[in-house]
Every structure is written in C-alpha cells, then in structure tokens.
Amino acid sequence: METGEIRGDSHIGHAGRIGRIGMDSTPHAPHATLPVRPTDRAVRAGCYALAALWWLTGLRRAAGTLRHYLAGTGAPYALDASTLVALPPVRAAVNARLMEAEAGHWSGTDGWQGLRIAPSTSPDWWLAVRGVQYRVVRPNPHYYRVEFHKTWNFARLHETGLAREFTATGRTGYLPR
C-alpha cells in the first residue's frame, strides 16, 4: 500500500506520488488504461481470497480496505479515527505535537505529518493503511481534534480497471486537552 503526497492543505488531489511513506516518483498510468492480463485477474482473485482470510482471522480493517479497493468505485473510505488515535505511536505523536503547540511553535491547524504504523503495533491497522498523514487542529488551548488522510493505491490493478484507488479520511471529534 502506498500513500499520496500531501503538502499543506493540498490533500484533496495530488499530481505526484509518494510511495510507501517515502519518495517514489515513478508515475503510473491512469485508471483503466492498460490491457488486462490473465495474471491481473489471478492477482485480483487472490486479493479477494486474502480479504476473506483477513476477515476470518479478525483483521477487519485490513479486509475492509482491500475489499473497498477491489470494489472499484474509487469512493472515499471512512477511517475509524477514534481507534486510530488510540494506537500508542499515534497517541505519542499527537501528544508531541500538542506540546509543541503549547510551547508556541504553532497554533490553530498543524501541518500534515507522516506516521508509520508498525506490524507490532497493530497488524490490522498495518495491513489496512501501513501509515497515514495526520494533523492536529487546535482552535483553543482547551480542545483539539486529529484528522487523518491516506491515499490507498496499488498501481497495476488500478491501471487495468480491475480495482480503483481511493482516499481514506477520518477525524476525531473535539477532545479536551
């Protein structure tokens, strides 16, 4: 899984790609522009089987995102922000950003930050998103919320039209500080 490039508030669309939470400038073809090969159909069938296996083993978020990709609608996908923000590395990153805000390094809306989720933290979230972009919105010193963004894409199935990239987003309600 890869993540889309985010700079400032440009997370609605992007011209380039960042791969696997790192730089990868290799562009890929637009949706449904490449011919479908028999191996593409086999990979898609394998992905459906994998999603079913993940569901049966309790990896519900991972199964859900993979099924959403394979459904091919490209519709936005809602992330469970309250569960995501409770993961220890996410919680630590958010707390660090809040401490920076309290020290006067920024106020209002934070810039987008990248965050990896390790398999040891949560296999389900790791398989579902691997990493996300997040930012902290702090309208006043007493409350804040956390917003998440992930561009979910695999090149080949998207390029053949057998699946479709999508954007996953979520945000918490306002939380007390």
N, C-alpha and C. Protein backbone atom coordinates (compact mmCIF):
# COMPACT_ATOMS: atom_id res chain seq x y z
N MET A 1 0.83 -1.16 0.00
CA MET A 1 0.00 0.00 0.00
C MET A 1 0.88 1.22 0.00
N GLU A 2 0.42 2.24 -0.65
CA GLU A 2 1.21 3.45 -0.76
C GLU A 2 0.37 4.62 -0.29
N THR A 3 1.02 5.72 -0.08
CA THR A 3 0.30 6.91 0.35
C THR A 3 0.51 8.04 -0.65
N GLY A 4 -0.49 8.88 -0.79
CA GLY A 4 -0.39 10.00 -1.72
C GLY A 4 0.36 11.16 -1.10
N GLU A 5 0.84 12.03 -1.93
CA GLU A 5 1.61 13.17 -1.48
C GLU A 5 0.67 14.21 -0.88
N ILE A 6 1.08 14.77 0.23
CA ILE A 6 0.30 15.81 0.89
C ILE A 6 1.22 16.95 1.24
N ARG A 7 0.89 18.10 0.79
CA ARG A 7 1.64 19.31 1.15
C ARG A 7 0.63 20.37 1.53
N GLY A 8 0.71 20.83 2.75
CA GLY A 8 -0.24 21.82 3.23
C GLY A 8 -1.65 21.25 3.20
N ASP A 9 -2.58 21.99 2.62
CA ASP A 9 -3.95 21.52 2.54
C ASP A 9 -4.27 20.94 1.17
N SER A 10 -3.26 20.54 0.42
CA SER A 10 -3.50 20.03 -0.93
C SER A 10 -3.84 18.55 -0.94
N HIS A 11 -4.35 18.02 0.18
CA HIS A 11 -4.62 16.60 0.26
C HIS A 11 -5.85 16.16 -0.53
N ILE A 12 -6.58 17.07 -1.10
CA ILE A 12 -7.74 16.70 -1.90
C ILE A 12 -7.32 16.04 -3.20
N GLY A 13 -6.27 16.49 -3.79
CA GLY A 13 -5.76 15.88 -5.01
C GLY A 13 -4.26 16.06 -5.06
N HIS A 14 -3.60 15.24 -5.88
CA HIS A 14 -2.17 15.37 -5.96
C HIS A 14 -1.70 14.99 -7.35
N ALA A 15 -0.64 15.65 -7.77
CA ALA A 15 -0.11 15.40 -9.11
C ALA A 15 0.91 14.28 -9.10
N GLY A 16 1.70 14.19 -8.05
CA GLY A 16 2.74 13.17 -7.98
C GLY A 16 2.36 12.05 -7.04
N ARG A 17 3.29 11.18 -6.80
CA ARG A 17 3.06 10.07 -5.89
C ARG A 17 4.22 9.98 -4.90
N ILE A 18 3.93 9.61 -3.71
CA ILE A 18 4.96 9.24 -2.75
C ILE A 18 4.69 7.78 -2.46
N GLY A 19 5.67 6.97 -2.53
CA GLY A 19 5.47 5.54 -2.35
C GLY A 19 5.86 5.05 -0.97
N ARG A 20 5.06 4.21 -0.41
CA ARG A 20 5.33 3.51 0.84
C ARG A 20 5.89 4.44 1.92
N ILE A 21 5.28 5.55 2.12
CA ILE A 21 5.67 6.56 3.09
C ILE A 21 7.09 7.04 2.83
N GLY A 22 7.51 7.03 1.60
CA GLY A 22 8.81 7.54 1.21
C GLY A 22 8.72 8.02 -0.22
N MET A 23 9.74 8.62 -0.71
CA MET A 23 9.69 9.15 -2.07
C MET A 23 9.73 8.05 -3.11
N ASP A 24 8.86 8.10 -4.07
CA ASP A 24 8.83 7.20 -5.22
C ASP A 24 8.19 7.98 -6.34
N SER A 25 8.99 8.52 -7.22
CA SER A 25 8.46 9.40 -8.25
C SER A 25 8.01 8.65 -9.50
N THR A 26 7.98 7.31 -9.45
CA THR A 26 7.57 6.54 -10.61
C THR A 26 6.07 6.73 -10.83
N PRO A 27 5.68 7.41 -11.90
CA PRO A 27 4.25 7.60 -12.15
C PRO A 27 3.64 6.31 -12.68
N HIS A 28 2.35 6.18 -12.51
CA HIS A 28 1.69 5.06 -13.12
C HIS A 28 0.54 5.55 -13.99
N ALA A 29 0.04 4.64 -14.82
CA ALA A 29 -0.98 5.01 -15.80
C ALA A 29 -2.31 5.34 -15.12
N PRO A 30 -3.14 6.14 -15.75
CA PRO A 30 -4.47 6.44 -15.21
C PRO A 30 -5.35 5.19 -15.15
N HIS A 31 -6.45 5.32 -14.44
CA HIS A 31 -7.38 4.20 -14.25
C HIS A 31 -7.85 3.61 -15.57
N ALA A 32 -7.83 2.29 -15.66
CA ALA A 32 -8.36 1.51 -16.78
C ALA A 32 -7.75 1.85 -18.14
N THR A 33 -6.46 2.12 -18.15
CA THR A 33 -5.81 2.45 -19.42
C THR A 33 -4.90 1.34 -19.94
N LEU A 34 -4.63 0.34 -19.12
CA LEU A 34 -3.79 -0.77 -19.56
C LEU A 34 -4.64 -2.01 -19.83
N PRO A 35 -4.22 -2.85 -20.76
CA PRO A 35 -4.97 -4.08 -21.03
C PRO A 35 -4.87 -5.04 -19.85
N VAL A 36 -5.94 -5.79 -19.63
CA VAL A 36 -5.98 -6.77 -18.55
C VAL A 36 -5.29 -8.05 -19.02
N ARG A 37 -4.35 -8.54 -18.21
CA ARG A 37 -3.67 -9.79 -18.49
C ARG A 37 -4.28 -10.89 -17.62
N PRO A 38 -4.12 -12.14 -18.01
CA PRO A 38 -4.63 -13.23 -17.16
C PRO A 38 -4.04 -13.18 -15.75
N THR A 39 -2.79 -12.79 -15.63
CA THR A 39 -2.19 -12.70 -14.29
C THR A 39 -2.84 -11.60 -13.45
N ASP A 40 -3.35 -10.55 -14.09
CA ASP A 40 -4.06 -9.50 -13.36
C ASP A 40 -5.33 -10.06 -12.72
N ARG A 41 -6.04 -10.87 -13.48
CA ARG A 41 -7.26 -11.50 -12.93
C ARG A 41 -6.92 -12.46 -11.80
N ALA A 42 -5.80 -13.17 -11.93
CA ALA A 42 -5.38 -14.09 -10.87
C ALA A 42 -5.00 -13.32 -9.60
N VAL A 43 -4.31 -12.19 -9.77
CA VAL A 43 -3.95 -11.37 -8.62
C VAL A 43 -5.22 -10.83 -7.95
N ARG A 44 -6.17 -10.41 -8.73
CA ARG A 44 -7.42 -9.89 -8.16
C ARG A 44 -8.16 -10.97 -7.38
N ALA A 45 -8.23 -12.18 -7.95
CA ALA A 45 -8.88 -13.29 -7.26
C ALA A 45 -8.14 -13.61 -5.95
N GLY A 46 -6.81 -13.58 -6.01
CA GLY A 46 -6.02 -13.81 -4.81
C GLY A 46 -6.27 -12.75 -3.75
N CYS A 47 -6.45 -11.51 -4.18
CA CYS A 47 -6.73 -10.42 -3.24
C CYS A 47 -8.09 -10.61 -2.57
N TYR A 48 -9.08 -11.07 -3.32
CA TYR A 48 -10.39 -11.36 -2.72
C TYR A 48 -10.26 -12.47 -1.68
N ALA A 49 -9.49 -13.52 -2.01
CA ALA A 49 -9.29 -14.61 -1.05
C ALA A 49 -8.54 -14.11 0.19
N LEU A 50 -7.56 -13.26 -0.01
CA LEU A 50 -6.81 -12.69 1.10
C LEU A 50 -7.72 -11.84 2.00
N ALA A 51 -8.58 -11.03 1.39
CA ALA A 51 -9.52 -10.22 2.18
C ALA A 51 -10.43 -11.11 3.01
N ALA A 52 -10.89 -12.21 2.45
CA ALA A 52 -11.74 -13.14 3.20
C ALA A 52 -10.97 -13.77 4.36
N LEU A 53 -9.73 -14.15 4.10
CA LEU A 53 -8.89 -14.73 5.16
C LEU A 53 -8.66 -13.72 6.27
N TRP A 54 -8.34 -12.48 5.90
CA TRP A 54 -8.14 -11.45 6.91
C TRP A 54 -9.39 -11.26 7.75
N TRP A 55 -10.56 -11.25 7.11
CA TRP A 55 -11.82 -11.08 7.83
C TRP A 55 -12.02 -12.21 8.84
N LEU A 56 -11.78 -13.44 8.40
CA LEU A 56 -11.96 -14.60 9.26
C LEU A 56 -10.98 -14.62 10.44
N THR A 57 -9.81 -14.04 10.27
CA THR A 57 -8.82 -14.03 11.34
C THR A 57 -8.91 -12.76 12.20
N GLY A 58 -9.93 -11.96 11.99
CA GLY A 58 -10.15 -10.78 12.83
C GLY A 58 -9.50 -9.51 12.36
N LEU A 59 -8.89 -9.52 11.18
CA LEU A 59 -8.25 -8.31 10.63
C LEU A 59 -9.29 -7.55 9.80
N ARG A 60 -10.29 -7.03 10.47
CA ARG A 60 -11.47 -6.44 9.82
C ARG A 60 -11.16 -5.15 9.07
N ARG A 61 -10.30 -4.30 9.62
CA ARG A 61 -9.96 -3.05 8.91
C ARG A 61 -9.18 -3.35 7.64
N ALA A 62 -8.24 -4.27 7.74
CA ALA A 62 -7.44 -4.65 6.57
C ALA A 62 -8.33 -5.25 5.49
N ALA A 63 -9.23 -6.13 5.88
CA ALA A 63 -10.15 -6.75 4.92
C ALA A 63 -11.04 -5.69 4.29
N GLY A 64 -11.51 -4.76 5.09
CA GLY A 64 -12.41 -3.72 4.58
C GLY A 64 -11.75 -2.81 3.55
N THR A 65 -10.52 -2.39 3.82
CA THR A 65 -9.85 -1.51 2.86
C THR A 65 -9.52 -2.25 1.57
N LEU A 66 -9.10 -3.50 1.67
CA LEU A 66 -8.79 -4.27 0.47
C LEU A 66 -10.05 -4.52 -0.37
N ARG A 67 -11.14 -4.86 0.30
CA ARG A 67 -12.42 -5.05 -0.43
C ARG A 67 -12.89 -3.75 -1.08
N HIS A 68 -12.70 -2.65 -0.38
CA HIS A 68 -13.11 -1.35 -0.94
C HIS A 68 -12.32 -1.05 -2.21
N TYR A 69 -11.03 -1.32 -2.18
CA TYR A 69 -10.18 -1.13 -3.35
C TYR A 69 -10.64 -2.02 -4.50
N LEU A 70 -10.90 -3.28 -4.21
CA LEU A 70 -11.31 -4.23 -5.25
C LEU A 70 -12.70 -3.93 -5.79
N ALA A 71 -13.55 -3.28 -5.01
CA ALA A 71 -14.90 -2.93 -5.49
C ALA A 71 -14.82 -1.97 -6.67
N GLY A 72 -13.76 -1.20 -6.75
CA GLY A 72 -13.50 -0.37 -7.92
C GLY A 72 -14.32 0.89 -8.06
N THR A 73 -14.94 1.37 -6.99
CA THR A 73 -15.74 2.59 -7.10
C THR A 73 -14.90 3.86 -6.99
N GLY A 74 -13.80 3.78 -6.26
CA GLY A 74 -13.00 4.98 -6.01
C GLY A 74 -13.62 5.92 -5.00
N ALA A 75 -14.74 5.50 -4.40
CA ALA A 75 -15.43 6.34 -3.41
C ALA A 75 -14.54 6.52 -2.17
N PRO A 76 -14.71 7.64 -1.48
CA PRO A 76 -13.95 7.84 -0.24
C PRO A 76 -14.25 6.74 0.77
N TYR A 77 -13.31 6.49 1.64
CA TYR A 77 -13.42 5.46 2.67
C TYR A 77 -13.23 6.13 4.02
N ALA A 78 -14.09 5.82 4.97
CA ALA A 78 -14.02 6.44 6.30
C ALA A 78 -13.14 5.62 7.23
N LEU A 79 -12.12 6.26 7.79
CA LEU A 79 -11.27 5.63 8.79
C LEU A 79 -11.87 5.83 10.17
N ASP A 80 -11.73 4.86 11.03
CA ASP A 80 -12.18 4.95 12.42
C ASP A 80 -11.14 5.75 13.20
N ALA A 81 -11.29 7.04 13.21
CA ALA A 81 -10.28 7.94 13.78
C ALA A 81 -10.12 7.75 15.28
N SER A 82 -11.19 7.45 16.00
CA SER A 82 -11.06 7.30 17.45
C SER A 82 -10.21 6.09 17.81
N THR A 83 -10.31 5.00 17.04
CA THR A 83 -9.48 3.83 17.27
C THR A 83 -8.05 4.08 16.81
N LEU A 84 -7.90 4.75 15.69
CA LEU A 84 -6.58 5.05 15.15
C LEU A 84 -5.79 5.96 16.09
N VAL A 85 -6.43 6.99 16.63
CA VAL A 85 -5.74 7.93 17.51
C VAL A 85 -5.36 7.27 18.84
N ALA A 86 -5.99 6.16 19.19
CA ALA A 86 -5.69 5.46 20.44
C ALA A 86 -4.46 4.56 20.33
N LEU A 87 -3.96 4.31 19.12
CA LEU A 87 -2.75 3.49 18.97
C LEU A 87 -1.58 4.21 19.62
N PRO A 88 -0.74 3.50 20.40
CA PRO A 88 0.35 4.17 21.13
C PRO A 88 1.24 5.09 20.29
N PRO A 89 1.72 4.70 19.09
CA PRO A 89 2.58 5.64 18.36
C PRO A 89 1.82 6.87 17.86
N VAL A 90 0.54 6.70 17.55
CA VAL A 90 -0.27 7.84 17.11
C VAL A 90 -0.50 8.77 18.30
N ARG A 91 -0.88 8.17 19.43
CA ARG A 91 -1.11 8.96 20.64
C ARG A 91 0.16 9.74 21.02
N ALA A 92 1.32 9.09 20.94
CA ALA A 92 2.58 9.76 21.27
C ALA A 92 2.88 10.90 20.31
N ALA A 93 2.65 10.68 19.02
CA ALA A 93 2.90 11.73 18.02
C ALA A 93 1.96 12.91 18.24
N VAL A 94 0.70 12.65 18.51
CA VAL A 94 -0.26 13.73 18.75
C VAL A 94 0.12 14.50 20.01
N ASN A 95 0.48 13.78 21.07
CA ASN A 95 0.89 14.46 22.30
C ASN A 95 2.12 15.34 22.07
N ALA A 96 3.07 14.86 21.28
CA ALA A 96 4.26 15.66 20.97
C ALA A 96 3.87 16.93 20.22
N ARG A 97 2.96 16.81 19.26
CA ARG A 97 2.51 18.00 18.52
C ARG A 97 1.78 18.97 19.44
N LEU A 98 0.97 18.46 20.36
CA LEU A 98 0.27 19.34 21.30
C LEU A 98 1.26 20.06 22.22
N MET A 99 2.31 19.37 22.63
CA MET A 99 3.33 20.01 23.46
C MET A 99 4.05 21.11 22.68
N GLU A 100 4.29 20.88 21.39
CA GLU A 100 4.90 21.92 20.56
C GLU A 100 3.96 23.12 20.43
N ALA A 101 2.65 22.84 20.31
CA ALA A 101 1.69 23.94 20.22
C ALA A 101 1.68 24.74 21.51
N GLU A 102 1.73 24.04 22.64
CA GLU A 102 1.74 24.72 23.93
C GLU A 102 3.01 25.53 24.14
N ALA A 103 4.09 25.11 23.48
CA ALA A 103 5.35 25.87 23.56
C ALA A 103 5.36 27.04 22.59
N GLY A 104 4.28 27.21 21.81
CA GLY A 104 4.15 28.34 20.90
C GLY A 104 4.73 28.12 19.52
N HIS A 105 5.06 26.88 19.15
CA HIS A 105 5.64 26.62 17.84
C HIS A 105 4.62 26.65 16.70
N TRP A 106 3.37 26.47 17.02
CA TRP A 106 2.29 26.61 16.02
C TRP A 106 0.98 26.76 16.77
N SER A 107 -0.03 27.27 16.10
CA SER A 107 -1.36 27.39 16.72
C SER A 107 -2.41 27.19 15.64
N GLY A 108 -3.58 26.86 16.05
CA GLY A 108 -4.67 26.67 15.09
C GLY A 108 -4.64 25.31 14.44
N THR A 109 -4.18 25.24 13.19
CA THR A 109 -4.13 23.98 12.45
C THR A 109 -2.68 23.63 12.15
N ASP A 110 -2.31 22.45 12.55
CA ASP A 110 -0.97 21.92 12.33
C ASP A 110 -0.81 21.55 10.86
N GLY A 111 0.42 21.45 10.39
CA GLY A 111 0.68 20.93 9.05
C GLY A 111 0.57 19.42 9.05
N TRP A 112 0.42 18.84 7.88
CA TRP A 112 0.31 17.38 7.77
C TRP A 112 1.64 16.73 8.10
N GLN A 113 1.58 15.65 8.87
CA GLN A 113 2.74 14.88 9.29
C GLN A 113 2.54 13.43 8.88
N GLY A 114 3.59 12.76 8.46
CA GLY A 114 3.50 11.34 8.13
C GLY A 114 3.79 10.49 9.35
N LEU A 115 3.12 9.35 9.44
CA LEU A 115 3.29 8.46 10.58
C LEU A 115 3.17 7.01 10.12
N ARG A 116 4.18 6.21 10.38
CA ARG A 116 4.13 4.78 10.07
C ARG A 116 3.44 4.03 11.20
N ILE A 117 2.75 2.98 10.84
CA ILE A 117 2.17 2.08 11.84
C ILE A 117 2.88 0.74 11.66
N ALA A 118 3.55 0.30 12.68
CA ALA A 118 4.33 -0.93 12.62
C ALA A 118 3.42 -2.15 12.77
N PRO A 119 3.81 -3.28 12.18
CA PRO A 119 3.02 -4.51 12.36
C PRO A 119 2.90 -4.91 13.83
N SER A 120 3.93 -4.61 14.62
CA SER A 120 3.89 -4.97 16.04
C SER A 120 2.90 -4.11 16.83
N THR A 121 2.61 -2.91 16.33
CA THR A 121 1.64 -2.03 16.99
C THR A 121 0.23 -2.55 16.81
N SER A 122 -0.13 -2.83 15.56
CA SER A 122 -1.45 -3.36 15.22
C SER A 122 -1.37 -3.99 13.83
N PRO A 123 -1.36 -5.31 13.76
CA PRO A 123 -1.33 -5.95 12.44
C PRO A 123 -2.49 -5.51 11.55
N ASP A 124 -3.66 -5.30 12.16
CA ASP A 124 -4.84 -4.90 11.40
C ASP A 124 -4.64 -3.52 10.77
N TRP A 125 -4.24 -2.53 11.57
CA TRP A 125 -4.02 -1.19 11.03
C TRP A 125 -2.82 -1.17 10.09
N TRP A 126 -1.79 -1.96 10.37
CA TRP A 126 -0.63 -2.01 9.47
C TRP A 126 -1.05 -2.51 8.10
N LEU A 127 -1.83 -3.57 8.04
CA LEU A 127 -2.29 -4.09 6.75
C LEU A 127 -3.29 -3.15 6.09
N ALA A 128 -4.07 -2.45 6.89
CA ALA A 128 -5.10 -1.56 6.34
C ALA A 128 -4.51 -0.29 5.73
N VAL A 129 -3.53 0.32 6.42
CA VAL A 129 -3.02 1.61 5.93
C VAL A 129 -1.50 1.74 5.92
N ARG A 130 -0.80 0.92 6.65
CA ARG A 130 0.67 0.98 6.80
C ARG A 130 1.15 2.29 7.41
N GLY A 131 0.59 3.34 7.01
CA GLY A 131 0.95 4.66 7.53
C GLY A 131 -0.10 5.66 7.09
N VAL A 132 -0.18 6.76 7.79
CA VAL A 132 -1.17 7.79 7.48
C VAL A 132 -0.52 9.16 7.60
N GLN A 133 -1.18 10.13 7.03
CA GLN A 133 -0.87 11.52 7.26
C GLN A 133 -1.85 11.98 8.34
N TYR A 134 -1.38 12.79 9.26
CA TYR A 134 -2.27 13.31 10.30
C TYR A 134 -1.94 14.77 10.55
N ARG A 135 -2.89 15.46 11.10
CA ARG A 135 -2.65 16.81 11.58
C ARG A 135 -3.55 17.07 12.77
N VAL A 136 -3.11 17.99 13.59
CA VAL A 136 -3.85 18.35 14.79
C VAL A 136 -4.47 19.72 14.57
N VAL A 137 -5.75 19.82 14.84
CA VAL A 137 -6.48 21.09 14.75
C VAL A 137 -6.79 21.50 16.19
N ARG A 138 -6.32 22.68 16.55
CA ARG A 138 -6.44 23.15 17.93
C ARG A 138 -7.03 24.56 17.93
N PRO A 139 -8.36 24.68 17.99
CA PRO A 139 -8.97 26.01 17.92
C PRO A 139 -8.72 26.86 19.16
N ASN A 140 -8.45 26.20 20.29
CA ASN A 140 -8.12 26.93 21.51
C ASN A 140 -7.29 26.01 22.41
N PRO A 141 -6.72 26.52 23.46
CA PRO A 141 -5.85 25.68 24.30
C PRO A 141 -6.54 24.53 25.01
N HIS A 142 -7.85 24.52 25.02
CA HIS A 142 -8.58 23.51 25.79
C HIS A 142 -9.08 22.32 24.96
N TYR A 143 -9.15 22.47 23.64
CA TYR A 143 -9.69 21.42 22.80
C TYR A 143 -8.85 21.23 21.54
N TYR A 144 -8.90 20.04 21.01
CA TYR A 144 -8.22 19.74 19.75
C TYR A 144 -8.93 18.56 19.08
N ARG A 145 -8.64 18.36 17.81
CA ARG A 145 -9.09 17.16 17.12
C ARG A 145 -7.95 16.72 16.21
N VAL A 146 -8.01 15.46 15.78
CA VAL A 146 -6.98 14.91 14.92
C VAL A 146 -7.64 14.45 13.63
N GLU A 147 -7.05 14.86 12.51
CA GLU A 147 -7.55 14.47 11.20
C GLU A 147 -6.53 13.54 10.54
N PHE A 148 -7.05 12.55 9.81
CA PHE A 148 -6.20 11.56 9.14
C PHE A 148 -6.51 11.53 7.66
N HIS A 149 -5.48 11.21 6.88
CA HIS A 149 -5.63 11.11 5.42
C HIS A 149 -4.71 10.02 4.90
N LYS A 150 -5.22 9.23 3.98
CA LYS A 150 -4.43 8.17 3.34
C LYS A 150 -4.93 7.99 1.91
N THR A 151 -4.03 8.04 0.95
CA THR A 151 -4.37 7.70 -0.43
C THR A 151 -3.97 6.26 -0.61
N TRP A 152 -4.95 5.40 -0.82
CA TRP A 152 -4.74 3.95 -0.88
C TRP A 152 -4.61 3.57 -2.34
N ASN A 153 -3.44 3.08 -2.73
CA ASN A 153 -3.28 2.73 -4.14
C ASN A 153 -2.26 1.63 -4.37
N PHE A 154 -2.56 0.83 -5.33
CA PHE A 154 -1.66 -0.14 -5.94
C PHE A 154 -1.75 0.15 -7.42
N ALA A 155 -0.67 0.23 -8.09
CA ALA A 155 -0.71 0.67 -9.49
C ALA A 155 -1.41 -0.30 -10.44
N ARG A 156 -0.98 -1.52 -10.56
CA ARG A 156 -1.39 -2.39 -11.67
C ARG A 156 -2.91 -2.64 -11.74
N LEU A 157 -3.56 -3.06 -10.68
CA LEU A 157 -5.00 -3.34 -10.77
C LEU A 157 -5.80 -2.08 -11.05
N HIS A 158 -5.35 -0.95 -10.54
CA HIS A 158 -5.99 0.34 -10.84
C HIS A 158 -5.83 0.67 -12.32
N GLU A 159 -4.63 0.47 -12.83
CA GLU A 159 -4.35 0.80 -14.23
C GLU A 159 -5.15 -0.05 -15.21
N THR A 160 -5.49 -1.28 -14.82
CA THR A 160 -6.26 -2.15 -15.71
C THR A 160 -7.76 -1.98 -15.52
N GLY A 161 -8.18 -1.28 -14.48
CA GLY A 161 -9.60 -1.09 -14.22
C GLY A 161 -10.20 -2.19 -13.37
N LEU A 162 -9.38 -3.12 -12.87
CA LEU A 162 -9.88 -4.21 -12.03
C LEU A 162 -10.05 -3.80 -10.57
N ALA A 163 -9.59 -2.62 -10.21
CA ALA A 163 -9.75 -2.04 -8.88
C ALA A 163 -9.60 -0.53 -9.05
N ARG A 164 -9.80 0.20 -7.98
CA ARG A 164 -9.68 1.65 -8.10
C ARG A 164 -9.11 2.26 -6.83
N GLU A 165 -8.13 3.14 -7.01
CA GLU A 165 -7.55 3.86 -5.90
C GLU A 165 -8.62 4.68 -5.19
N PHE A 166 -8.40 4.95 -3.92
CA PHE A 166 -9.36 5.76 -3.17
C PHE A 166 -8.63 6.52 -2.06
N THR A 167 -9.32 7.49 -1.52
CA THR A 167 -8.80 8.27 -0.42
C THR A 167 -9.55 7.86 0.85
N ALA A 168 -8.79 7.59 1.90
CA ALA A 168 -9.36 7.25 3.19
C ALA A 168 -9.11 8.42 4.14
N THR A 169 -10.15 8.88 4.80
CA THR A 169 -10.02 10.01 5.73
C THR A 169 -10.82 9.74 7.00
N GLY A 170 -10.46 10.42 8.02
CA GLY A 170 -11.20 10.33 9.27
C GLY A 170 -10.77 11.47 10.19
N ARG A 171 -11.59 11.78 11.15
CA ARG A 171 -11.21 12.77 12.13
C ARG A 171 -11.97 12.51 13.42
N THR A 172 -11.30 12.83 14.50
CA THR A 172 -11.93 12.68 15.79
C THR A 172 -12.87 13.86 16.02
N GLY A 173 -13.72 13.75 17.00
CA GLY A 173 -14.45 14.92 17.46
C GLY A 173 -13.48 15.78 18.27
N TYR A 174 -13.93 16.90 18.76
CA TYR A 174 -13.04 17.73 19.58
C TYR A 174 -12.82 17.03 20.92
N LEU A 175 -11.56 16.95 21.30
CA LEU A 175 -11.15 16.26 22.52
C LEU A 175 -10.62 17.29 23.51
N PRO A 176 -10.85 17.07 24.80
CA PRO A 176 -10.30 18.02 25.79
C PRO A 176 -8.81 17.82 25.96
N ARG A 177 -8.11 18.90 26.19
CA ARG A 177 -6.67 18.82 26.44
C ARG A 177 -6.42 18.84 27.92
